[in-house]
Every structure is written in C-alpha cells, then in structure tokens.
Amino acid sequence: MTLPSAATPPGPAVSATSRAPASAPDDAPRGRGSLGPVGLVLTGGISVQFGGALAVTLMPRAGALGVVTLRLLVAAVVLLLVCRPRLRGHSRADWTTVIVFGIAMAGMNGLFYQSVARIPLGTAVTLEVLGPLALSVLASRRAINFLWAGLALAGVVLLGGGSFGSLDPLGVAFALGAGVMWAAYIVFSARTGRRFPQADGLALAMGVAALLFLPLGIAESGTKLLEPTTLALGAAVAVLSSVLPYTLELLALRRLPASTFAILMSLEPAIAAAAGFLVLSQALTLTESAAIALVIAASMGAVRTQVGRGRAKTLPGHST
C-alpha cells in the first residue's frame, strides 16, 4: 500500500481509489506516449507491494510498530529535505488539516502493518481497498454503484469462505480499519492539497505521522531500531513503499489521464498477491484468487462509472 502526495487534490472520480497526489485531466493526450506513464504507475505499484512484502520480513526483527516507525521516519526526512516546506504563514485551519492528514496517514500505515503481520499480504490489501471503494460508492450516489458494492461484498465473502474462519479475525479487523483510515486519508489529502503548494503538505503530514509513531516504535523495539541491518532494511522499505512510488506517480500523472491512473490502482490487490507469493511464499487458492478478482472488478467498475458521470456533466444540455 502507498500513500498519495498532496500536491493537487484528486478529483471526485479518482479520489476513492487513488493514492495519488495530483491528477491529470481525463482528456490528457493518449497514444504511444501514454505507454511511458502507464509503465511508471505499474512500476510504482510493484514497488509499493514488494516494499510491503519486505516490511513483513523485517517484522520479526523490529516488530510491526517498529517497521512503521522506520518507514515513516525515513520517508519524512527525505520529503522534508526535498520539499523544504515553509512553516510560517499558514492559518490555524491549514495546520489542523495537515495534522489530521498526518493522523490518518499514521493510522492507515499502523493498522495495515498490524494486518499483514497476521494475514497474507494480498488478502490484507483486498480488504483494505474496500475503504476507498465504499467512499466511491457513497460519493457517487448512483444506483449502479450498489452493483459494484455488491460485487465487492461477494468477493469479500468468498475471500473469507463465508465466515473468515481461516483468517485471523484481528488481522481482518486491522485491514478493514486500515481501509477506513485510507478513505479518511483520501479526503484530507485533497484538503491538504488545496491549502499547501507542491508536495509541502505531504511532507509536513509525513513528519506528523512519523512523530506520532516514534514513541510507539521505541516502546516496541527500543534499541533494535538502531541496529545497522534494521535501519538499512527500514530505509529500503521507506524508499520502495513511499519515496520511489511518489516520484514515479508524480512523473506519470503529468501525462496520464486521472481515470486511467485510478483503474491501474485497482490492480493493487493482484500485485500484492504476487508479491506475497514471490517474497513470502503466500500462495492463494483458486477461491481466494477469484475473490480478489471480484474486488478488482468492482473497483474498476466504480471508477469507470464516476468517470462517465463526470463526462456526462460536461456535455451540452446536462445540468451540473
């Protein structure tokens, strides 16, 4: 899982499934040149999920809270050094927004890593994506989105074998909680993007999230966080899961339509399942694979519905 940058607020057609900072217009140029941006986004998604798989291997050494702390702290340092956000001249509302954004970021990461410590990575990402999907359905208020919601629910029921008896209930709860925080993160990412230039808001929010988690990581792991191997692996997780994806997606979104980006993001559960299999030997059954496919289809359908609705509103004779 990744985090969106807050450079520009995502539009309503994308915000429910996107972790991205900025969005290109839906009428952005397409053609051979779009293969480059698509490749960047897919590379970013692969980086995120394999970073998550690496984080799972680091948990026995540093603990789930310690891994989150290292990821947020390294990412915050890099972003603050690169962005060098201005600290003065912001209103109380600006700071309130960026602090809540940081809290949502910390909660999303903390809950997600607690989840993958207990259930397979692909399953955790599939459950987590229900948060943005629910936000998409509620924001749209179109009848067809209840079809997508039903499809996603069918996938979840199939994933749990009807009762989730084969999965750690706490891991499932953490994944669903991460999904709720992801939805909150999307809302406050957009608000932060409207109040702060460039990626300044993201850098500040990342700093807030890192400060919030630092005491938790120290309490769980203590001096283990300072071991050279742990620090190196934690920095690798931060680069793979935050810094590299942000950079690739920001480059891609200059030329890639927002709707295309959102659909590509819907593939994350499949990428996570592949990463879990290749890195962690977490094989999926045919039933689990079908369940993930249903959730991916529901996410794609919700994105396409909202994109179509946005285009219809711009046609002559349609009310806004």
C-alpha atoms as a PDB file:
ATOM      1  CA  MET A   1       0.000   0.000   0.000  1.00  0.00           C
ATOM      2  CA  THR A   2       1.126   3.508  -0.691  1.00  0.00           C
ATOM      3  CA  LEU A   3       0.313   6.981   0.192  1.00  0.00           C
ATOM      4  CA  PRO A   4      -0.784   9.781  -2.118  1.00  0.00           C
ATOM      5  CA  SER A   5       1.031  13.019  -2.424  1.00  0.00           C
ATOM      6  CA  ALA A   6      -0.924  16.115  -1.610  1.00  0.00           C
ATOM      7  CA  ALA A   7       0.296  18.283  -4.410  1.00  0.00           C
ATOM      8  CA  THR A   8      -3.085  18.648  -6.062  1.00  0.00           C
ATOM      9  CA  PRO A   9      -6.383  17.360  -4.723  1.00  0.00           C
ATOM     10  CA  PRO A  10      -7.685  14.379  -6.663  1.00  0.00           C
ATOM     11  CA  GLY A  11     -10.990  14.831  -8.444  1.00  0.00           C
ATOM     12  CA  PRO A  12     -14.099  13.071  -7.221  1.00  0.00           C
ATOM     13  CA  ALA A  13     -13.893  10.493  -9.967  1.00  0.00           C
ATOM     14  CA  VAL A  14     -10.485   9.344  -8.780  1.00  0.00           C
ATOM     15  CA  SER A  15     -10.241  10.138  -5.121  1.00  0.00           C
ATOM     16  CA  ALA A  16     -11.935   6.988  -3.944  1.00  0.00           C
ATOM     17  CA  THR A  17      -9.414   4.643  -5.472  1.00  0.00           C
ATOM     18  CA  SER A  18      -6.340   6.756  -5.920  1.00  0.00           C
ATOM     19  CA  ARG A  19      -3.424   7.275  -3.615  1.00  0.00           C
ATOM     20  CA  ALA A  20      -2.020   9.889  -5.940  1.00  0.00           C
ATOM     21  CA  PRO A  21      -1.129  13.429  -5.217  1.00  0.00           C
ATOM     22  CA  ALA A  22      -2.070  15.033  -8.408  1.00  0.00           C
ATOM     23  CA  SER A  23      -4.242  14.020 -11.273  1.00  0.00           C
ATOM     24  CA  ALA A  24      -4.028  14.632 -14.951  1.00  0.00           C
ATOM     25  CA  PRO A  25      -7.172  15.636 -16.794  1.00  0.00           C
ATOM     26  CA  ASP A  26      -9.282  12.885 -18.266  1.00  0.00           C
ATOM     27  CA  ASP A  27      -8.779  14.356 -21.715  1.00  0.00           C
ATOM     28  CA  ALA A  28      -4.994  14.200 -21.428  1.00  0.00           C
ATOM     29  CA  PRO A  29      -3.229  13.027 -24.556  1.00  0.00           C
ATOM     30  CA  ARG A  30      -3.336   9.337 -25.211  1.00  0.00           C
ATOM     31  CA  GLY A  31      -1.426   7.197 -27.658  1.00  0.00           C
ATOM     32  CA  ARG A  32       2.040   5.758 -27.807  1.00  0.00           C
ATOM     33  CA  GLY A  33       3.298   8.329 -25.327  1.00  0.00           C
ATOM     34  CA  SER A  34       0.877   7.054 -22.683  1.00  0.00           C
ATOM     35  CA  LEU A  35       2.754   3.746 -22.503  1.00  0.00           C
ATOM     36  CA  GLY A  36       5.509   5.527 -20.614  1.00  0.00           C
ATOM     37  CA  PRO A  37       3.264   6.878 -17.828  1.00  0.00           C
ATOM     38  CA  VAL A  38       1.430   3.558 -17.525  1.00  0.00           C
ATOM     39  CA  GLY A  39       4.759   1.824 -17.079  1.00  0.00           C
ATOM     40  CA  LEU A  40       5.740   4.326 -14.386  1.00  0.00           C
ATOM     41  CA  VAL A  41       2.495   3.762 -12.472  1.00  0.00           C
ATOM     42  CA  LEU A  42       2.773  -0.008 -12.672  1.00  0.00           C
ATOM     43  CA  THR A  43       6.398   0.178 -11.557  1.00  0.00           C
ATOM     44  CA  GLY A  44       5.301   2.325  -8.629  1.00  0.00           C
ATOM     45  CA  GLY A  45       2.599  -0.183  -7.698  1.00  0.00           C
ATOM     46  CA  ILE A  46       5.050  -3.068  -7.865  1.00  0.00           C
ATOM     47  CA  SER A  47       7.493  -1.080  -5.734  1.00  0.00           C
ATOM     48  CA  VAL A  48       4.811  -0.407  -3.114  1.00  0.00           C
ATOM     49  CA  GLN A  49       3.705  -4.001  -2.751  1.00  0.00           C
ATOM     50  CA  PHE A  50       7.168  -5.528  -2.804  1.00  0.00           C
ATOM     51  CA  GLY A  51       8.129  -2.902  -0.231  1.00  0.00           C
ATOM     52  CA  GLY A  52       5.230  -4.198   1.856  1.00  0.00           C
ATOM     53  CA  ALA A  53       6.481  -7.755   1.438  1.00  0.00           C
ATOM     54  CA  LEU A  54       9.960  -6.665   2.548  1.00  0.00           C
ATOM     55  CA  ALA A  55       8.366  -4.999   5.574  1.00  0.00           C
ATOM     56  CA  VAL A  56       6.805  -8.320   6.569  1.00  0.00           C
ATOM     57  CA  THR A  57      10.222  -9.968   6.557  1.00  0.00           C
ATOM     58  CA  LEU A  58      11.530  -7.147   8.759  1.00  0.00           C
ATOM     59  CA  MET A  59       8.796  -7.513  11.388  1.00  0.00           C
ATOM     60  CA  PRO A  60      10.446 -10.376  13.329  1.00  0.00           C
ATOM     61  CA  ARG A  61      13.463  -8.106  13.755  1.00  0.00           C
ATOM     62  CA  ALA A  62      11.771  -4.769  14.530  1.00  0.00           C
ATOM     63  CA  GLY A  63       8.089  -5.526  15.156  1.00  0.00           C
ATOM     64  CA  ALA A  64       5.149  -4.123  13.196  1.00  0.00           C
ATOM     65  CA  LEU A  65       5.192  -0.780  15.015  1.00  0.00           C
ATOM     66  CA  GLY A  66       8.957  -0.520  14.609  1.00  0.00           C
ATOM     67  CA  VAL A  67       8.708  -1.110  10.854  1.00  0.00           C
ATOM     68  CA  VAL A  68       6.030   1.576  10.507  1.00  0.00           C
ATOM     69  CA  THR A  69       8.188   3.968  12.516  1.00  0.00           C
ATOM     70  CA  LEU A  70      11.234   3.404  10.316  1.00  0.00           C
ATOM     71  CA  ARG A  71       9.214   3.747   7.121  1.00  0.00           C
ATOM     72  CA  LEU A  72       7.505   6.977   8.167  1.00  0.00           C
ATOM     73  CA  LEU A  73      10.636   8.485   9.702  1.00  0.00           C
ATOM     74  CA  VAL A  74      12.892   7.868   6.693  1.00  0.00           C
ATOM     75  CA  ALA A  75      10.201   8.991   4.246  1.00  0.00           C
ATOM     76  CA  ALA A  76       9.575  12.131   6.315  1.00  0.00           C
ATOM     77  CA  VAL A  77      13.261  13.038   6.387  1.00  0.00           C
ATOM     78  CA  VAL A  78      13.601  12.576   2.621  1.00  0.00           C
ATOM     79  CA  LEU A  79      10.438  14.532   1.794  1.00  0.00           C
ATOM     80  CA  LEU A  80      11.228  17.373   4.196  1.00  0.00           C
ATOM     81  CA  LEU A  81      14.736  17.711   2.772  1.00  0.00           C
ATOM     82  CA  VAL A  82      13.489  17.664  -0.815  1.00  0.00           C
ATOM     83  CA  CYS A  83      10.395  19.869  -0.372  1.00  0.00           C
ATOM     84  CA  ARG A  84      11.688  22.186   2.355  1.00  0.00           C
ATOM     85  CA  PRO A  85       8.156  23.327   3.210  1.00  0.00           C
ATOM     86  CA  ARG A  86       7.607  26.794   4.618  1.00  0.00           C
ATOM     87  CA  LEU A  87       6.483  26.684   8.259  1.00  0.00           C
ATOM     88  CA  ARG A  88       5.304  30.265   8.602  1.00  0.00           C
ATOM     89  CA  GLY A  89       2.328  31.998   7.049  1.00  0.00           C
ATOM     90  CA  HIS A  90      -0.172  29.164   7.476  1.00  0.00           C
ATOM     91  CA  SER A  91      -3.511  29.578   9.229  1.00  0.00           C
ATOM     92  CA  ARG A  92      -4.805  27.506  12.127  1.00  0.00           C
ATOM     93  CA  ALA A  93      -7.138  25.736   9.676  1.00  0.00           C
ATOM     94  CA  ASP A  94      -4.140  24.870   7.480  1.00  0.00           C
ATOM     95  CA  TRP A  95      -2.295  23.294  10.381  1.00  0.00           C
ATOM     96  CA  THR A  96      -5.410  21.484  11.609  1.00  0.00           C
ATOM     97  CA  THR A  97      -5.883  19.979   8.162  1.00  0.00           C
ATOM     98  CA  VAL A  98      -2.289  18.825   7.806  1.00  0.00           C
ATOM     99  CA  ILE A  99      -2.260  17.377  11.345  1.00  0.00           C
ATOM    100  CA  VAL A 100      -5.441  15.385  10.717  1.00  0.00           C
ATOM    101  CA  PHE A 101      -3.920  14.272   7.419  1.00  0.00           C
ATOM    102  CA  GLY A 102      -0.854  13.057   9.314  1.00  0.00           C
ATOM    103  CA  ILE A 103      -3.019  11.241  11.870  1.00  0.00           C
ATOM    104  CA  ALA A 104      -4.904   9.492   9.054  1.00  0.00           C
ATOM    105  CA  MET A 105      -1.586   8.556   7.435  1.00  0.00           C
ATOM    106  CA  ALA A 106      -0.229   7.151  10.697  1.00  0.00           C
ATOM    107  CA  GLY A 107      -3.424   5.215  11.383  1.00  0.00           C
ATOM    108  CA  MET A 108      -3.571   3.798   7.865  1.00  0.00           C
ATOM    109  CA  ASN A 109       0.021   2.569   7.965  1.00  0.00           C
ATOM    110  CA  GLY A 110      -0.120   1.309  11.533  1.00  0.00           C
ATOM    111  CA  LEU A 111      -3.301  -0.700  11.041  1.00  0.00           C
ATOM    112  CA  PHE A 112      -2.174  -2.083   7.698  1.00  0.00           C
ATOM    113  CA  TYR A 113       1.151  -3.346   9.035  1.00  0.00           C
ATOM    114  CA  GLN A 114      -0.592  -4.893  12.026  1.00  0.00           C
ATOM    115  CA  SER A 115      -2.816  -6.661   9.498  1.00  0.00           C
ATOM    116  CA  VAL A 116      -0.053  -8.062   7.281  1.00  0.00           C
ATOM    117  CA  ALA A 117       1.658  -9.380  10.400  1.00  0.00           C
ATOM    118  CA  ARG A 118      -1.373 -11.690  10.784  1.00  0.00           C
ATOM    119  CA  ILE A 119      -2.907 -12.379   7.354  1.00  0.00           C
ATOM    120  CA  PRO A 120      -1.495 -12.731   3.794  1.00  0.00           C
ATOM    121  CA  LEU A 121      -0.461  -9.529   2.030  1.00  0.00           C
ATOM    122  CA  GLY A 122      -2.845  -9.956  -0.925  1.00  0.00           C
ATOM    123  CA  THR A 123      -5.776 -10.583   1.390  1.00  0.00           C
ATOM    124  CA  ALA A 124      -4.933  -7.557   3.526  1.00  0.00           C
ATOM    125  CA  VAL A 125      -4.743  -5.212   0.521  1.00  0.00           C
ATOM    126  CA  THR A 126      -8.014  -6.618  -0.855  1.00  0.00           C
ATOM    127  CA  LEU A 127      -9.809  -5.888   2.416  1.00  0.00           C
ATOM    128  CA  GLU A 128      -8.150  -2.508   2.768  1.00  0.00           C
ATOM    129  CA  VAL A 129      -9.255  -1.333  -0.679  1.00  0.00           C
ATOM    130  CA  LEU A 130     -12.874  -1.665   0.464  1.00  0.00           C
ATOM    131  CA  GLY A 131     -12.459   1.655   2.302  1.00  0.00           C
ATOM    132  CA  PRO A 132     -11.787   3.720  -0.830  1.00  0.00           C
ATOM    133  CA  LEU A 133     -14.394   1.682  -2.722  1.00  0.00           C
ATOM    134  CA  ALA A 134     -17.043   2.490  -0.102  1.00  0.00           C
ATOM    135  CA  LEU A 135     -16.088   6.151  -0.304  1.00  0.00           C
ATOM    136  CA  SER A 136     -16.505   5.993  -4.083  1.00  0.00           C
ATOM    137  CA  VAL A 137     -19.979   4.450  -3.822  1.00  0.00           C
ATOM    138  CA  LEU A 138     -21.159   6.921  -1.185  1.00  0.00           C
ATOM    139  CA  ALA A 139     -19.764   9.904  -3.056  1.00  0.00           C
ATOM    140  CA  SER A 140     -21.385   8.866  -6.332  1.00  0.00           C
ATOM    141  CA  ARG A 141     -24.905   8.053  -5.042  1.00  0.00           C
ATOM    142  CA  ARG A 142     -25.711   6.283  -8.305  1.00  0.00           C
ATOM    143  CA  ALA A 143     -27.731   3.088  -8.322  1.00  0.00           C
ATOM    144  CA  ILE A 144     -25.190   1.215 -10.450  1.00  0.00           C
ATOM    145  CA  ASN A 145     -22.562   1.705  -7.754  1.00  0.00           C
ATOM    146  CA  PHE A 146     -24.577  -0.524  -5.470  1.00  0.00           C
ATOM    147  CA  LEU A 147     -23.927  -3.233  -8.071  1.00  0.00           C
ATOM    148  CA  TRP A 148     -20.198  -2.632  -7.691  1.00  0.00           C
ATOM    149  CA  ALA A 149     -20.556  -2.641  -3.915  1.00  0.00           C
ATOM    150  CA  GLY A 150     -22.418  -5.944  -4.101  1.00  0.00           C
ATOM    151  CA  LEU A 151     -19.702  -7.392  -6.327  1.00  0.00           C
ATOM    152  CA  ALA A 152     -17.048  -6.329  -3.841  1.00  0.00           C
ATOM    153  CA  LEU A 153     -19.072  -7.775  -0.965  1.00  0.00           C
ATOM    154  CA  ALA A 154     -19.345 -11.067  -2.833  1.00  0.00           C
ATOM    155  CA  GLY A 155     -15.581 -11.060  -3.230  1.00  0.00           C
ATOM    156  CA  VAL A 156     -15.074 -10.438   0.470  1.00  0.00           C
ATOM    157  CA  VAL A 157     -17.489 -13.209   1.459  1.00  0.00           C
ATOM    158  CA  LEU A 158     -15.733 -15.555  -0.960  1.00  0.00           C
ATOM    159  CA  LEU A 159     -12.363 -14.492   0.422  1.00  0.00           C
ATOM    160  CA  GLY A 160     -13.447 -15.358   3.939  1.00  0.00           C
ATOM    161  CA  GLY A 161     -15.017 -18.654   2.939  1.00  0.00           C
ATOM    162  CA  GLY A 162     -18.312 -17.379   4.306  1.00  0.00           C
ATOM    163  CA  SER A 163     -17.080 -16.836   7.860  1.00  0.00           C
ATOM    164  CA  PHE A 164     -13.404 -15.777   7.716  1.00  0.00           C
ATOM    165  CA  GLY A 165     -12.731 -18.792   9.904  1.00  0.00           C
ATOM    166  CA  SER A 166      -9.471 -19.469   8.076  1.00  0.00           C
ATOM    167  CA  LEU A 167      -8.182 -15.926   8.669  1.00  0.00           C
ATOM    168  CA  ASP A 168      -7.009 -14.287  11.864  1.00  0.00           C
ATOM    169  CA  PRO A 169     -10.030 -12.186  12.947  1.00  0.00           C
ATOM    170  CA  LEU A 170      -7.773  -9.490  14.385  1.00  0.00           C
ATOM    171  CA  GLY A 171      -5.847  -9.309  11.117  1.00  0.00           C
ATOM    172  CA  VAL A 172      -9.122  -8.891   9.210  1.00  0.00           C
ATOM    173  CA  ALA A 173     -10.243  -6.159  11.627  1.00  0.00           C
ATOM    174  CA  PHE A 174      -6.940  -4.325  11.241  1.00  0.00           C
ATOM    175  CA  ALA A 175      -7.193  -4.488   7.422  1.00  0.00           C
ATOM    176  CA  LEU A 176     -10.740  -3.122   7.456  1.00  0.00           C
ATOM    177  CA  GLY A 177      -9.666  -0.403   9.892  1.00  0.00           C
ATOM    178  CA  ALA A 178      -6.817   0.492   7.537  1.00  0.00           C
ATOM    179  CA  GLY A 179      -9.410   0.808   4.777  1.00  0.00           C
ATOM    180  CA  VAL A 180     -11.415   3.286   6.857  1.00  0.00           C
ATOM    181  CA  MET A 181      -8.289   5.303   7.524  1.00  0.00           C
ATOM    182  CA  TRP A 182      -7.404   5.155   3.817  1.00  0.00           C
ATOM    183  CA  ALA A 183     -10.766   6.724   2.995  1.00  0.00           C
ATOM    184  CA  ALA A 184     -10.122   9.461   5.595  1.00  0.00           C
ATOM    185  CA  TYR A 185      -6.628   9.874   4.182  1.00  0.00           C
ATOM    186  CA  ILE A 186      -8.052  10.480   0.694  1.00  0.00           C
ATOM    187  CA  VAL A 187     -10.419  13.176   1.970  1.00  0.00           C
ATOM    188  CA  PHE A 188      -7.713  15.042   3.896  1.00  0.00           C
ATOM    189  CA  SER A 189      -5.145  14.551   1.138  1.00  0.00           C
ATOM    190  CA  ALA A 190      -7.422  16.580  -1.124  1.00  0.00           C
ATOM    191  CA  ARG A 191      -7.983  19.248   1.534  1.00  0.00           C
ATOM    192  CA  THR A 192      -4.263  19.483   2.230  1.00  0.00           C
ATOM    193  CA  GLY A 193      -3.531  19.794  -1.475  1.00  0.00           C
ATOM    194  CA  ARG A 194      -5.820  22.820  -1.674  1.00  0.00           C
ATOM    195  CA  ARG A 195      -4.079  24.557   1.223  1.00  0.00           C
ATOM    196  CA  PHE A 196      -0.388  23.803   0.587  1.00  0.00           C
ATOM    197  CA  PRO A 197       1.686  24.233  -2.587  1.00  0.00           C
ATOM    198  CA  GLN A 198       3.536  21.436  -4.355  1.00  0.00           C
ATOM    199  CA  ALA A 199       4.059  18.457  -2.022  1.00  0.00           C
ATOM    200  CA  ASP A 200       4.647  20.656   1.055  1.00  0.00           C
ATOM    201  CA  GLY A 201       1.526  19.413   2.787  1.00  0.00           C
ATOM    202  CA  LEU A 202       2.504  15.798   2.225  1.00  0.00           C
ATOM    203  CA  ALA A 203       5.980  16.391   3.655  1.00  0.00           C
ATOM    204  CA  LEU A 204       4.561  18.098   6.753  1.00  0.00           C
ATOM    205  CA  ALA A 205       1.907  15.405   7.241  1.00  0.00           C
ATOM    206  CA  MET A 206       4.533  12.698   6.903  1.00  0.00           C
ATOM    207  CA  GLY A 207       6.512  14.464   9.613  1.00  0.00           C
ATOM    208  CA  VAL A 208       3.430  14.496  11.857  1.00  0.00           C
ATOM    209  CA  ALA A 209       2.835  10.788  11.236  1.00  0.00           C
ATOM    210  CA  ALA A 210       6.469   9.956  11.983  1.00  0.00           C
ATOM    211  CA  LEU A 211       6.409  11.903  15.260  1.00  0.00           C
ATOM    212  CA  LEU A 212       3.191  10.163  16.303  1.00  0.00           C
ATOM    213  CA  PHE A 213       4.644   6.721  15.670  1.00  0.00           C
ATOM    214  CA  LEU A 214       8.124   7.306  17.059  1.00  0.00           C
ATOM    215  CA  PRO A 215       7.146   6.654  20.716  1.00  0.00           C
ATOM    216  CA  LEU A 216       5.246   3.502  19.694  1.00  0.00           C
ATOM    217  CA  GLY A 217       8.183   2.173  17.709  1.00  0.00           C
ATOM    218  CA  ILE A 218      10.615   2.892  20.543  1.00  0.00           C
ATOM    219  CA  ALA A 219       8.287   1.249  23.076  1.00  0.00           C
ATOM    220  CA  GLU A 220       8.014  -1.927  20.996  1.00  0.00           C
ATOM    221  CA  SER A 221      11.514  -2.247  19.579  1.00  0.00           C
ATOM    222  CA  GLY A 222      13.765   0.067  21.590  1.00  0.00           C
ATOM    223  CA  THR A 223      17.394  -0.015  20.532  1.00  0.00           C
ATOM    224  CA  LYS A 224      16.640  -2.650  17.873  1.00  0.00           C
ATOM    225  CA  LEU A 225      15.658   0.242  15.618  1.00  0.00           C
ATOM    226  CA  LEU A 226      19.273   1.461  15.696  1.00  0.00           C
ATOM    227  CA  GLU A 227      20.814  -1.798  14.529  1.00  0.00           C
ATOM    228  CA  PRO A 228      22.525  -1.182  11.164  1.00  0.00           C
ATOM    229  CA  THR A 229      20.737  -4.048   9.391  1.00  0.00           C
ATOM    230  CA  THR A 230      17.359  -2.980  10.730  1.00  0.00           C
ATOM    231  CA  LEU A 231      17.979   0.636   9.754  1.00  0.00           C
ATOM    232  CA  ALA A 232      19.067  -0.386   6.263  1.00  0.00           C
ATOM    233  CA  LEU A 233      16.034  -2.606   5.709  1.00  0.00           C
ATOM    234  CA  GLY A 234      13.732   0.063   7.144  1.00  0.00           C
ATOM    235  CA  ALA A 235      15.198   2.636   4.769  1.00  0.00           C
ATOM    236  CA  ALA A 236      14.668   0.201   1.888  1.00  0.00           C
ATOM    237  CA  VAL A 237      11.008  -0.200   2.881  1.00  0.00           C
ATOM    238  CA  ALA A 238      10.604   3.585   3.008  1.00  0.00           C
ATOM    239  CA  VAL A 239      12.158   4.031  -0.435  1.00  0.00           C
ATOM    240  CA  LEU A 240      10.189   1.184  -2.020  1.00  0.00           C
ATOM    241  CA  SER A 241       6.863   1.986  -0.346  1.00  0.00           C
ATOM    242  CA  SER A 242       6.917   5.793  -0.282  1.00  0.00           C
ATOM    243  CA  VAL A 243       9.716   7.759  -1.928  1.00  0.00           C
ATOM    244  CA  LEU A 244      10.057   5.848  -5.217  1.00  0.00           C
ATOM    245  CA  PRO A 245       6.295   5.431  -5.871  1.00  0.00           C
ATOM    246  CA  TYR A 246       5.630   9.126  -5.159  1.00  0.00           C
ATOM    247  CA  THR A 247       8.286  10.160  -7.660  1.00  0.00           C
ATOM    248  CA  LEU A 248       7.143   7.761 -10.373  1.00  0.00           C
ATOM    249  CA  GLU A 249       3.481   8.656  -9.964  1.00  0.00           C
ATOM    250  CA  LEU A 250       4.111  12.385  -9.986  1.00  0.00           C
ATOM    251  CA  LEU A 251       6.004  11.978 -13.262  1.00  0.00           C
ATOM    252  CA  ALA A 252       3.314   9.740 -14.737  1.00  0.00           C
ATOM    253  CA  LEU A 253       0.380  11.953 -13.771  1.00  0.00           C
ATOM    254  CA  ARG A 254       1.729  14.822 -15.854  1.00  0.00           C
ATOM    255  CA  ARG A 255       0.684  12.881 -18.962  1.00  0.00           C
ATOM    256  CA  LEU A 256      -1.671  10.145 -17.759  1.00  0.00           C
ATOM    257  CA  PRO A 257      -5.474  10.603 -17.569  1.00  0.00           C
ATOM    258  CA  ALA A 258      -6.750  10.502 -13.998  1.00  0.00           C
ATOM    259  CA  SER A 259      -9.287   7.791 -14.827  1.00  0.00           C
ATOM    260  CA  THR A 260      -6.562   5.535 -16.228  1.00  0.00           C
ATOM    261  CA  PHE A 261      -4.476   6.068 -13.103  1.00  0.00           C
ATOM    262  CA  ALA A 262      -7.381   5.119 -10.830  1.00  0.00           C
ATOM    263  CA  ILE A 263      -8.046   1.916 -12.773  1.00  0.00           C
ATOM    264  CA  LEU A 264      -4.378   0.965 -12.550  1.00  0.00           C
ATOM    265  CA  MET A 265      -4.571   1.484  -8.781  1.00  0.00           C
ATOM    266  CA  SER A 266      -7.418  -1.028  -8.672  1.00  0.00           C
ATOM    267  CA  LEU A 267      -4.890  -3.700  -9.635  1.00  0.00           C
ATOM    268  CA  GLU A 268      -3.035  -3.347  -6.332  1.00  0.00           C
ATOM    269  CA  PRO A 269      -4.612  -6.411  -4.657  1.00  0.00           C
ATOM    270  CA  ALA A 270      -3.356  -8.568  -7.537  1.00  0.00           C
ATOM    271  CA  ILE A 271       0.139  -7.046  -7.349  1.00  0.00           C
ATOM    272  CA  ALA A 272       0.136  -7.554  -3.582  1.00  0.00           C
ATOM    273  CA  ALA A 273      -0.867 -11.193  -4.015  1.00  0.00           C
ATOM    274  CA  ALA A 274       2.006 -11.686  -6.475  1.00  0.00           C
ATOM    275  CA  ALA A 275       4.459 -10.012  -4.081  1.00  0.00           C
ATOM    276  CA  GLY A 276       3.209 -12.167  -1.216  1.00  0.00           C
ATOM    277  CA  PHE A 277       3.708 -15.299  -3.292  1.00  0.00           C
ATOM    278  CA  LEU A 278       7.165 -14.419  -4.640  1.00  0.00           C
ATOM    279  CA  VAL A 279       8.684 -12.925  -1.495  1.00  0.00           C
ATOM    280  CA  LEU A 280       6.739 -14.530   1.344  1.00  0.00           C
ATOM    281  CA  SER A 281       5.600 -17.814  -0.265  1.00  0.00           C
ATOM    282  CA  GLN A 282       1.975 -16.877   0.484  1.00  0.00           C
ATOM    283  CA  ALA A 283       0.167 -18.922  -2.147  1.00  0.00           C
ATOM    284  CA  LEU A 284      -3.500 -18.214  -2.886  1.00  0.00           C
ATOM    285  CA  THR A 285      -6.167 -20.811  -3.550  1.00  0.00           C
ATOM    286  CA  LEU A 286      -8.377 -20.568  -6.634  1.00  0.00           C
ATOM    287  CA  THR A 287     -11.209 -19.331  -4.432  1.00  0.00           C
ATOM    288  CA  GLU A 288      -9.065 -16.571  -2.930  1.00  0.00           C
ATOM    289  CA  SER A 289      -7.842 -15.574  -6.382  1.00  0.00           C
ATOM    290  CA  ALA A 290     -11.430 -15.361  -7.634  1.00  0.00           C
ATOM    291  CA  ALA A 291     -12.365 -13.240  -4.608  1.00  0.00           C
ATOM    292  CA  ILE A 292      -9.556 -10.779  -5.299  1.00  0.00           C
ATOM    293  CA  ALA A 293     -10.616 -10.628  -8.954  1.00  0.00           C
ATOM    294  CA  LEU A 294     -14.158  -9.692  -7.904  1.00  0.00           C
ATOM    295  CA  VAL A 295     -12.930  -6.828  -5.714  1.00  0.00           C
ATOM    296  CA  ILE A 296     -10.660  -5.581  -8.500  1.00  0.00           C
ATOM    297  CA  ALA A 297     -13.571  -5.683 -10.971  1.00  0.00           C
ATOM    298  CA  ALA A 298     -15.768  -3.773  -8.510  1.00  0.00           C
ATOM    299  CA  SER A 299     -13.097  -1.092  -8.043  1.00  0.00           C
ATOM    300  CA  MET A 300     -12.629  -0.694 -11.789  1.00  0.00           C
ATOM    301  CA  GLY A 301     -16.372  -0.533 -12.339  1.00  0.00           C
ATOM    302  CA  ALA A 302     -16.811   2.161  -9.694  1.00  0.00           C
ATOM    303  CA  VAL A 303     -14.028   4.245 -11.254  1.00  0.00           C
ATOM    304  CA  ARG A 304     -15.455   3.942 -14.761  1.00  0.00           C
ATOM    305  CA  THR A 305     -18.936   4.858 -13.515  1.00  0.00           C
ATOM    306  CA  GLN A 306     -17.699   8.020 -11.839  1.00  0.00           C
ATOM    307  CA  VAL A 307     -15.587   8.986 -14.848  1.00  0.00           C
ATOM    308  CA  GLY A 308     -18.597   8.529 -17.131  1.00  0.00           C
ATOM    309  CA  ARG A 309     -20.714  10.614 -14.803  1.00  0.00           C
ATOM    310  CA  GLY A 310     -18.130  13.409 -14.794  1.00  0.00           C
ATOM    311  CA  ARG A 311     -18.014  13.469 -18.579  1.00  0.00           C
ATOM    312  CA  ALA A 312     -21.805  13.481 -18.873  1.00  0.00           C
ATOM    313  CA  LYS A 313     -21.997  16.575 -16.702  1.00  0.00           C
ATOM    314  CA  THR A 314     -19.796  18.457 -19.129  1.00  0.00           C
ATOM    315  CA  LEU A 315     -21.945  17.695 -22.195  1.00  0.00           C
ATOM    316  CA  PRO A 316     -24.245  20.428 -23.559  1.00  0.00           C
ATOM    317  CA  GLY A 317     -27.745  20.197 -22.188  1.00  0.00           C
ATOM    318  CA  HIS A 318     -26.708  18.395 -18.995  1.00  0.00           C
ATOM    319  CA  SER A 319     -27.190  20.137 -15.695  1.00  0.00           C
ATOM    320  CA  THR A 320     -24.311  20.358 -13.260  1.00  0.00           C
END
